[in-house]
Amino acid sequence: MKLLRIADIEKCVGCGLCMYACSRKSAKDPHIGYGKAAILAVSLSGFERGAAVIFCHACEEPPCAQVCPTNALKPRKGGGVIYSEKHCIGCKNCIEACRINAIFEREDGKISVCIHCGYCAEFCPHGVLEVVEV
């Protein structure tokens, strides 16, 4: 099983390429921008303070899945969740339940949550993200 991890947060400049890659991978329209990104890279006030990258930490017993009334989020073996967009009703219970604010509301009322595919790590120009086998 693969998990996305932060290899070196000190190298992150908050460029957003990970967000753009994630959004493009899951969007039908390749010009979507950041609309479906399941990862968030934010600057913490310029280069002096660095940046932060927020994505699902693959909880062993994910609270987001526990509160989902339609089973759109199901626990994944080894941690994290499997997301079924077609079952999501946009109730936002999962967003409230996530302890680290790593589930994002999309413009269409659905959610985006990292499934640890690792696609974003391929586009990080500074080696901030990595995919590890567990």
N, C-alpha and C. Protein backbone atom coordinates (compact mmCIF):
# COMPACT_ATOMS: atom_id res chain seq x y z
N MET A 1 0.84 -1.18 0.00
CA MET A 1 0.00 0.00 0.00
C MET A 1 0.89 1.24 0.00
N LYS A 2 0.46 2.26 -0.74
CA LYS A 2 1.22 3.51 -0.84
C LYS A 2 0.61 4.57 0.08
N LEU A 3 1.49 5.40 0.64
CA LEU A 3 1.06 6.56 1.41
C LEU A 3 1.88 7.77 0.98
N LEU A 4 1.21 8.89 0.86
CA LEU A 4 1.87 10.15 0.55
C LEU A 4 2.43 10.71 1.85
N ARG A 5 3.64 11.18 1.82
CA ARG A 5 4.31 11.75 3.00
C ARG A 5 5.05 13.02 2.61
N ILE A 6 5.31 13.84 3.61
CA ILE A 6 6.14 15.02 3.41
C ILE A 6 7.57 14.59 3.65
N ALA A 7 8.41 14.72 2.63
CA ALA A 7 9.82 14.34 2.73
C ALA A 7 10.63 15.44 3.42
N ASP A 8 10.38 16.71 3.02
CA ASP A 8 11.13 17.82 3.60
C ASP A 8 10.32 19.10 3.44
N ILE A 9 9.57 19.47 4.48
CA ILE A 9 8.71 20.65 4.41
C ILE A 9 9.51 21.93 4.29
N GLU A 10 10.76 21.93 4.72
CA GLU A 10 11.61 23.12 4.63
C GLU A 10 11.84 23.55 3.18
N LYS A 11 11.69 22.63 2.25
CA LYS A 11 11.91 22.94 0.83
C LYS A 11 10.66 23.52 0.15
N CYS A 12 9.52 23.45 0.82
CA CYS A 12 8.26 23.91 0.21
C CYS A 12 8.20 25.42 0.13
N VAL A 13 7.88 25.92 -1.07
CA VAL A 13 7.73 27.36 -1.28
C VAL A 13 6.27 27.74 -1.51
N GLY A 14 5.37 26.77 -1.41
CA GLY A 14 3.96 27.06 -1.60
C GLY A 14 3.57 27.34 -3.03
N CYS A 15 4.28 26.75 -3.98
CA CYS A 15 4.05 27.05 -5.40
C CYS A 15 2.70 26.55 -5.90
N GLY A 16 2.15 25.51 -5.29
CA GLY A 16 0.84 25.01 -5.69
C GLY A 16 0.84 24.01 -6.82
N LEU A 17 2.00 23.61 -7.32
CA LEU A 17 2.02 22.63 -8.41
C LEU A 17 1.42 21.29 -7.99
N CYS A 18 1.57 20.92 -6.73
CA CYS A 18 0.96 19.68 -6.24
C CYS A 18 -0.56 19.78 -6.31
N MET A 19 -1.10 20.94 -5.97
CA MET A 19 -2.54 21.16 -6.02
C MET A 19 -3.05 21.09 -7.45
N TYR A 20 -2.34 21.73 -8.33
CA TYR A 20 -2.75 21.76 -9.74
C TYR A 20 -2.71 20.36 -10.34
N ALA A 21 -1.65 19.60 -10.05
CA ALA A 21 -1.54 18.23 -10.56
C ALA A 21 -2.68 17.37 -10.04
N CYS A 22 -2.96 17.47 -8.76
CA CYS A 22 -4.04 16.69 -8.15
C CYS A 22 -5.39 17.01 -8.79
N SER A 23 -5.65 18.29 -8.95
CA SER A 23 -6.92 18.72 -9.53
C SER A 23 -7.07 18.26 -10.98
N ARG A 24 -6.01 18.37 -11.75
CA ARG A 24 -6.06 17.94 -13.16
C ARG A 24 -6.26 16.44 -13.29
N LYS A 25 -5.67 15.67 -12.38
CA LYS A 25 -5.79 14.22 -12.46
C LYS A 25 -7.24 13.77 -12.26
N SER A 26 -7.95 14.45 -11.38
CA SER A 26 -9.31 14.02 -11.06
C SER A 26 -10.40 14.76 -11.84
N ALA A 27 -10.02 15.72 -12.65
CA ALA A 27 -11.02 16.51 -13.39
C ALA A 27 -11.18 16.01 -14.81
N LYS A 28 -12.40 16.10 -15.30
CA LYS A 28 -12.65 15.75 -16.70
C LYS A 28 -12.15 16.85 -17.63
N ASP A 29 -12.21 18.09 -17.16
CA ASP A 29 -11.73 19.23 -17.92
C ASP A 29 -10.30 19.55 -17.49
N PRO A 30 -9.30 19.41 -18.37
CA PRO A 30 -7.91 19.64 -17.98
C PRO A 30 -7.59 21.10 -17.64
N HIS A 31 -8.52 22.00 -17.86
CA HIS A 31 -8.30 23.42 -17.59
C HIS A 31 -9.01 23.85 -16.31
N ILE A 32 -9.28 22.92 -15.42
CA ILE A 32 -10.10 23.16 -14.23
C ILE A 32 -9.43 24.05 -13.19
N GLY A 33 -8.11 24.15 -13.16
CA GLY A 33 -7.43 24.91 -12.12
C GLY A 33 -7.30 24.06 -10.86
N TYR A 34 -7.60 24.66 -9.71
CA TYR A 34 -7.44 23.95 -8.44
C TYR A 34 -8.76 23.38 -7.92
N GLY A 35 -9.81 23.42 -8.68
CA GLY A 35 -11.15 23.07 -8.25
C GLY A 35 -11.36 21.73 -7.58
N LYS A 36 -10.60 20.72 -7.93
CA LYS A 36 -10.80 19.40 -7.34
C LYS A 36 -9.60 18.92 -6.52
N ALA A 37 -8.69 19.81 -6.20
CA ALA A 37 -7.48 19.42 -5.48
C ALA A 37 -7.80 18.85 -4.10
N ALA A 38 -7.13 17.76 -3.75
CA ALA A 38 -7.29 17.13 -2.44
C ALA A 38 -6.06 17.39 -1.58
N ILE A 39 -5.27 18.37 -1.97
CA ILE A 39 -4.07 18.77 -1.23
C ILE A 39 -4.02 20.29 -1.28
N LEU A 40 -3.53 20.89 -0.21
CA LEU A 40 -3.47 22.35 -0.14
C LEU A 40 -2.08 22.78 0.26
N ALA A 41 -1.44 23.58 -0.57
CA ALA A 41 -0.13 24.15 -0.27
C ALA A 41 -0.34 25.63 -0.02
N VAL A 42 0.07 26.09 1.16
CA VAL A 42 -0.14 27.49 1.51
C VAL A 42 1.15 28.12 2.02
N SER A 43 1.35 29.36 1.64
CA SER A 43 2.49 30.12 2.14
C SER A 43 2.17 30.60 3.55
N LEU A 44 3.16 30.60 4.41
CA LEU A 44 2.98 31.08 5.78
C LEU A 44 3.60 32.47 5.93
N SER A 45 3.33 33.34 4.98
CA SER A 45 3.82 34.72 5.00
C SER A 45 5.20 34.87 4.39
N GLY A 46 5.38 34.36 3.23
CA GLY A 46 6.62 34.59 2.51
C GLY A 46 7.69 33.55 2.79
N PHE A 47 8.84 33.75 2.16
CA PHE A 47 9.93 32.78 2.23
C PHE A 47 10.52 32.64 3.64
N GLU A 48 10.45 33.70 4.42
CA GLU A 48 11.02 33.63 5.77
C GLU A 48 10.29 32.62 6.63
N ARG A 49 9.00 32.51 6.50
CA ARG A 49 8.18 31.64 7.35
C ARG A 49 7.90 30.30 6.72
N GLY A 50 8.16 30.15 5.43
CA GLY A 50 7.95 28.88 4.76
C GLY A 50 6.53 28.65 4.29
N ALA A 51 6.17 27.37 4.18
CA ALA A 51 4.86 26.99 3.67
C ALA A 51 4.39 25.74 4.40
N ALA A 52 3.13 25.43 4.22
CA ALA A 52 2.54 24.22 4.81
C ALA A 52 1.82 23.46 3.70
N VAL A 53 1.80 22.16 3.83
CA VAL A 53 1.09 21.31 2.88
C VAL A 53 0.08 20.49 3.70
N ILE A 54 -1.19 20.58 3.31
CA ILE A 54 -2.25 19.91 4.06
C ILE A 54 -2.88 18.86 3.16
N PHE A 55 -2.92 17.62 3.66
CA PHE A 55 -3.61 16.53 2.97
C PHE A 55 -3.94 15.47 4.00
N CYS A 56 -4.77 14.53 3.64
CA CYS A 56 -5.20 13.46 4.54
C CYS A 56 -3.99 12.72 5.12
N HIS A 57 -4.00 12.52 6.43
CA HIS A 57 -2.91 11.81 7.10
C HIS A 57 -3.15 10.32 7.22
N ALA A 58 -4.17 9.81 6.58
CA ALA A 58 -4.49 8.38 6.54
C ALA A 58 -4.71 7.80 7.94
N CYS A 59 -5.67 8.34 8.65
CA CYS A 59 -6.02 7.85 9.98
C CYS A 59 -6.36 6.36 9.92
N GLU A 60 -5.98 5.63 10.94
CA GLU A 60 -6.33 4.20 11.02
C GLU A 60 -7.84 4.00 11.13
N GLU A 61 -8.49 4.84 11.92
CA GLU A 61 -9.94 4.81 12.06
C GLU A 61 -10.46 6.20 11.70
N PRO A 62 -10.60 6.47 10.42
CA PRO A 62 -10.91 7.84 9.97
C PRO A 62 -12.28 8.33 10.45
N PRO A 63 -12.29 9.44 11.20
CA PRO A 63 -13.56 9.98 11.68
C PRO A 63 -14.46 10.45 10.54
N CYS A 64 -13.87 10.84 9.42
CA CYS A 64 -14.67 11.29 8.28
C CYS A 64 -15.54 10.15 7.75
N ALA A 65 -15.00 8.96 7.70
CA ALA A 65 -15.77 7.80 7.21
C ALA A 65 -16.84 7.40 8.21
N GLN A 66 -16.57 7.59 9.48
CA GLN A 66 -17.52 7.21 10.52
C GLN A 66 -18.78 8.05 10.49
N VAL A 67 -18.68 9.31 10.00
CA VAL A 67 -19.85 10.19 10.00
C VAL A 67 -20.52 10.29 8.63
N CYS A 68 -20.02 9.59 7.64
CA CYS A 68 -20.59 9.66 6.30
C CYS A 68 -21.87 8.82 6.23
N PRO A 69 -23.02 9.45 5.99
CA PRO A 69 -24.29 8.72 6.00
C PRO A 69 -24.53 7.82 4.79
N THR A 70 -23.76 8.02 3.72
CA THR A 70 -23.99 7.25 2.50
C THR A 70 -22.85 6.30 2.15
N ASN A 71 -21.86 6.21 3.03
CA ASN A 71 -20.66 5.40 2.78
C ASN A 71 -19.89 5.85 1.54
N ALA A 72 -19.95 7.15 1.26
CA ALA A 72 -19.13 7.69 0.17
C ALA A 72 -17.66 7.65 0.56
N LEU A 73 -17.39 7.68 1.84
CA LEU A 73 -16.04 7.52 2.37
C LEU A 73 -16.00 6.21 3.15
N LYS A 74 -15.10 5.34 2.75
CA LYS A 74 -14.95 4.06 3.44
C LYS A 74 -13.50 3.93 3.89
N PRO A 75 -13.28 3.36 5.09
CA PRO A 75 -11.90 3.17 5.55
C PRO A 75 -11.12 2.30 4.58
N ARG A 76 -9.88 2.70 4.35
CA ARG A 76 -8.98 1.97 3.47
C ARG A 76 -8.05 1.12 4.33
N LYS A 77 -7.79 -0.08 3.91
CA LYS A 77 -6.89 -0.95 4.65
C LYS A 77 -5.53 -0.26 4.80
N GLY A 78 -5.06 -0.15 6.02
CA GLY A 78 -3.78 0.51 6.27
C GLY A 78 -3.91 1.98 6.60
N GLY A 79 -5.11 2.54 6.55
CA GLY A 79 -5.33 3.94 6.88
C GLY A 79 -5.82 4.76 5.72
N GLY A 80 -6.55 5.81 6.04
CA GLY A 80 -7.11 6.68 5.01
C GLY A 80 -8.47 6.20 4.54
N VAL A 81 -8.91 6.74 3.44
CA VAL A 81 -10.25 6.44 2.94
C VAL A 81 -10.26 6.17 1.44
N ILE A 82 -11.30 5.51 1.04
CA ILE A 82 -11.64 5.35 -0.36
C ILE A 82 -12.87 6.23 -0.57
N TYR A 83 -12.84 7.08 -1.59
CA TYR A 83 -13.92 8.03 -1.83
C TYR A 83 -14.73 7.64 -3.05
N SER A 84 -16.04 7.58 -2.88
CA SER A 84 -16.95 7.32 -3.99
C SER A 84 -17.76 8.58 -4.25
N GLU A 85 -17.35 9.32 -5.27
CA GLU A 85 -18.02 10.58 -5.58
C GLU A 85 -19.50 10.41 -5.88
N LYS A 86 -19.85 9.32 -6.54
CA LYS A 86 -21.26 9.13 -6.92
C LYS A 86 -22.17 8.93 -5.71
N HIS A 87 -21.60 8.51 -4.57
CA HIS A 87 -22.41 8.32 -3.37
C HIS A 87 -22.42 9.55 -2.46
N CYS A 88 -21.58 10.52 -2.74
CA CYS A 88 -21.48 11.72 -1.91
C CYS A 88 -22.71 12.61 -2.15
N ILE A 89 -23.36 13.00 -1.05
CA ILE A 89 -24.53 13.88 -1.15
C ILE A 89 -24.20 15.32 -0.75
N GLY A 90 -22.95 15.58 -0.43
CA GLY A 90 -22.52 16.93 -0.10
C GLY A 90 -22.97 17.42 1.27
N CYS A 91 -23.14 16.52 2.23
CA CYS A 91 -23.62 16.91 3.56
C CYS A 91 -22.56 17.64 4.38
N LYS A 92 -21.29 17.46 4.06
CA LYS A 92 -20.14 18.10 4.71
C LYS A 92 -19.86 17.57 6.12
N ASN A 93 -20.49 16.48 6.54
CA ASN A 93 -20.19 15.89 7.85
C ASN A 93 -18.71 15.54 7.95
N CYS A 94 -18.15 15.04 6.87
CA CYS A 94 -16.75 14.63 6.87
C CYS A 94 -15.81 15.81 7.07
N ILE A 95 -16.15 16.95 6.48
CA ILE A 95 -15.33 18.15 6.63
C ILE A 95 -15.27 18.55 8.10
N GLU A 96 -16.40 18.52 8.76
CA GLU A 96 -16.46 18.87 10.18
C GLU A 96 -15.74 17.83 11.04
N ALA A 97 -15.76 16.57 10.64
CA ALA A 97 -15.16 15.50 11.44
C ALA A 97 -13.65 15.42 11.30
N CYS A 98 -13.10 15.91 10.21
CA CYS A 98 -11.65 15.81 9.99
C CYS A 98 -10.90 16.69 10.98
N ARG A 99 -10.04 16.07 11.75
CA ARG A 99 -9.32 16.77 12.82
C ARG A 99 -8.24 17.72 12.30
N ILE A 100 -7.79 17.52 11.07
CA ILE A 100 -6.71 18.36 10.55
C ILE A 100 -7.17 19.23 9.36
N ASN A 101 -8.46 19.30 9.13
CA ASN A 101 -9.02 20.12 8.04
C ASN A 101 -8.44 19.75 6.68
N ALA A 102 -8.37 18.45 6.42
CA ALA A 102 -7.77 17.96 5.17
C ALA A 102 -8.80 17.47 4.16
N ILE A 103 -10.06 17.80 4.37
CA ILE A 103 -11.10 17.50 3.39
C ILE A 103 -11.64 18.83 2.90
N PHE A 104 -11.67 19.00 1.60
CA PHE A 104 -11.98 20.29 1.02
C PHE A 104 -13.30 20.26 0.25
N GLU A 105 -14.06 21.33 0.38
CA GLU A 105 -15.32 21.46 -0.35
C GLU A 105 -15.05 21.97 -1.75
N ARG A 106 -15.65 21.31 -2.73
CA ARG A 106 -15.50 21.72 -4.12
C ARG A 106 -16.63 22.66 -4.51
N GLU A 107 -16.48 23.28 -5.64
CA GLU A 107 -17.50 24.21 -6.14
C GLU A 107 -18.82 23.52 -6.44
N ASP A 108 -18.77 22.23 -6.77
CA ASP A 108 -20.00 21.50 -7.11
C ASP A 108 -20.71 20.92 -5.88
N GLY A 109 -20.23 21.25 -4.67
CA GLY A 109 -20.86 20.78 -3.45
C GLY A 109 -20.34 19.45 -2.94
N LYS A 110 -19.52 18.77 -3.74
CA LYS A 110 -18.92 17.50 -3.32
C LYS A 110 -17.64 17.82 -2.54
N ILE A 111 -16.87 16.79 -2.23
CA ILE A 111 -15.64 16.99 -1.48
C ILE A 111 -14.44 16.45 -2.24
N SER A 112 -13.27 16.87 -1.81
CA SER A 112 -12.01 16.32 -2.30
C SER A 112 -11.23 15.86 -1.09
N VAL A 113 -10.74 14.64 -1.15
CA VAL A 113 -9.92 14.08 -0.08
C VAL A 113 -8.80 13.27 -0.72
N CYS A 114 -7.61 13.37 -0.17
CA CYS A 114 -6.46 12.66 -0.71
C CYS A 114 -6.63 11.15 -0.57
N ILE A 115 -6.38 10.44 -1.66
CA ILE A 115 -6.46 8.98 -1.65
C ILE A 115 -5.06 8.36 -1.74
N HIS A 116 -4.05 9.19 -1.60
CA HIS A 116 -2.65 8.75 -1.55
C HIS A 116 -2.19 8.05 -2.84
N CYS A 117 -2.62 8.58 -3.96
CA CYS A 117 -2.18 8.02 -5.24
C CYS A 117 -0.74 8.42 -5.55
N GLY A 118 -0.30 9.56 -5.02
CA GLY A 118 1.07 10.01 -5.22
C GLY A 118 1.31 10.81 -6.48
N TYR A 119 0.28 11.06 -7.24
CA TYR A 119 0.42 11.80 -8.50
C TYR A 119 1.03 13.19 -8.27
N CYS A 120 0.61 13.84 -7.20
CA CYS A 120 1.09 15.20 -6.91
C CYS A 120 2.59 15.22 -6.66
N ALA A 121 3.13 14.17 -6.05
CA ALA A 121 4.55 14.13 -5.72
C ALA A 121 5.42 14.18 -6.97
N GLU A 122 4.92 13.64 -8.07
CA GLU A 122 5.67 13.65 -9.33
C GLU A 122 5.89 15.06 -9.85
N PHE A 123 5.04 16.00 -9.45
CA PHE A 123 5.10 17.36 -9.98
C PHE A 123 5.71 18.36 -9.01
N CYS A 124 6.12 17.91 -7.83
CA CYS A 124 6.75 18.80 -6.86
C CYS A 124 8.19 19.05 -7.30
N PRO A 125 8.53 20.29 -7.68
CA PRO A 125 9.87 20.56 -8.20
C PRO A 125 10.96 20.57 -7.13
N HIS A 126 10.58 20.54 -5.87
CA HIS A 126 11.56 20.65 -4.79
C HIS A 126 11.68 19.38 -3.93
N GLY A 127 10.98 18.33 -4.28
CA GLY A 127 11.09 17.09 -3.52
C GLY A 127 10.47 17.14 -2.15
N VAL A 128 9.44 17.95 -1.98
CA VAL A 128 8.78 18.08 -0.69
C VAL A 128 7.95 16.85 -0.38
N LEU A 129 7.30 16.29 -1.40
CA LEU A 129 6.41 15.15 -1.22
C LEU A 129 7.07 13.85 -1.72
N GLU A 130 6.70 12.76 -1.07
CA GLU A 130 7.17 11.45 -1.51
C GLU A 130 6.07 10.42 -1.27
N VAL A 131 6.14 9.35 -2.02
CA VAL A 131 5.23 8.23 -1.83
C VAL A 131 6.04 7.08 -1.25
N VAL A 132 5.55 6.49 -0.18
CA VAL A 132 6.25 5.39 0.47
C VAL A 132 5.35 4.16 0.49
N GLU A 133 5.97 3.00 0.36
CA GLU A 133 5.25 1.74 0.49
C GLU A 133 5.22 1.36 1.96
N VAL A 134 4.07 0.97 2.45
CA VAL A 134 3.96 0.53 3.85
C VAL A 134 3.39 -0.87 3.91
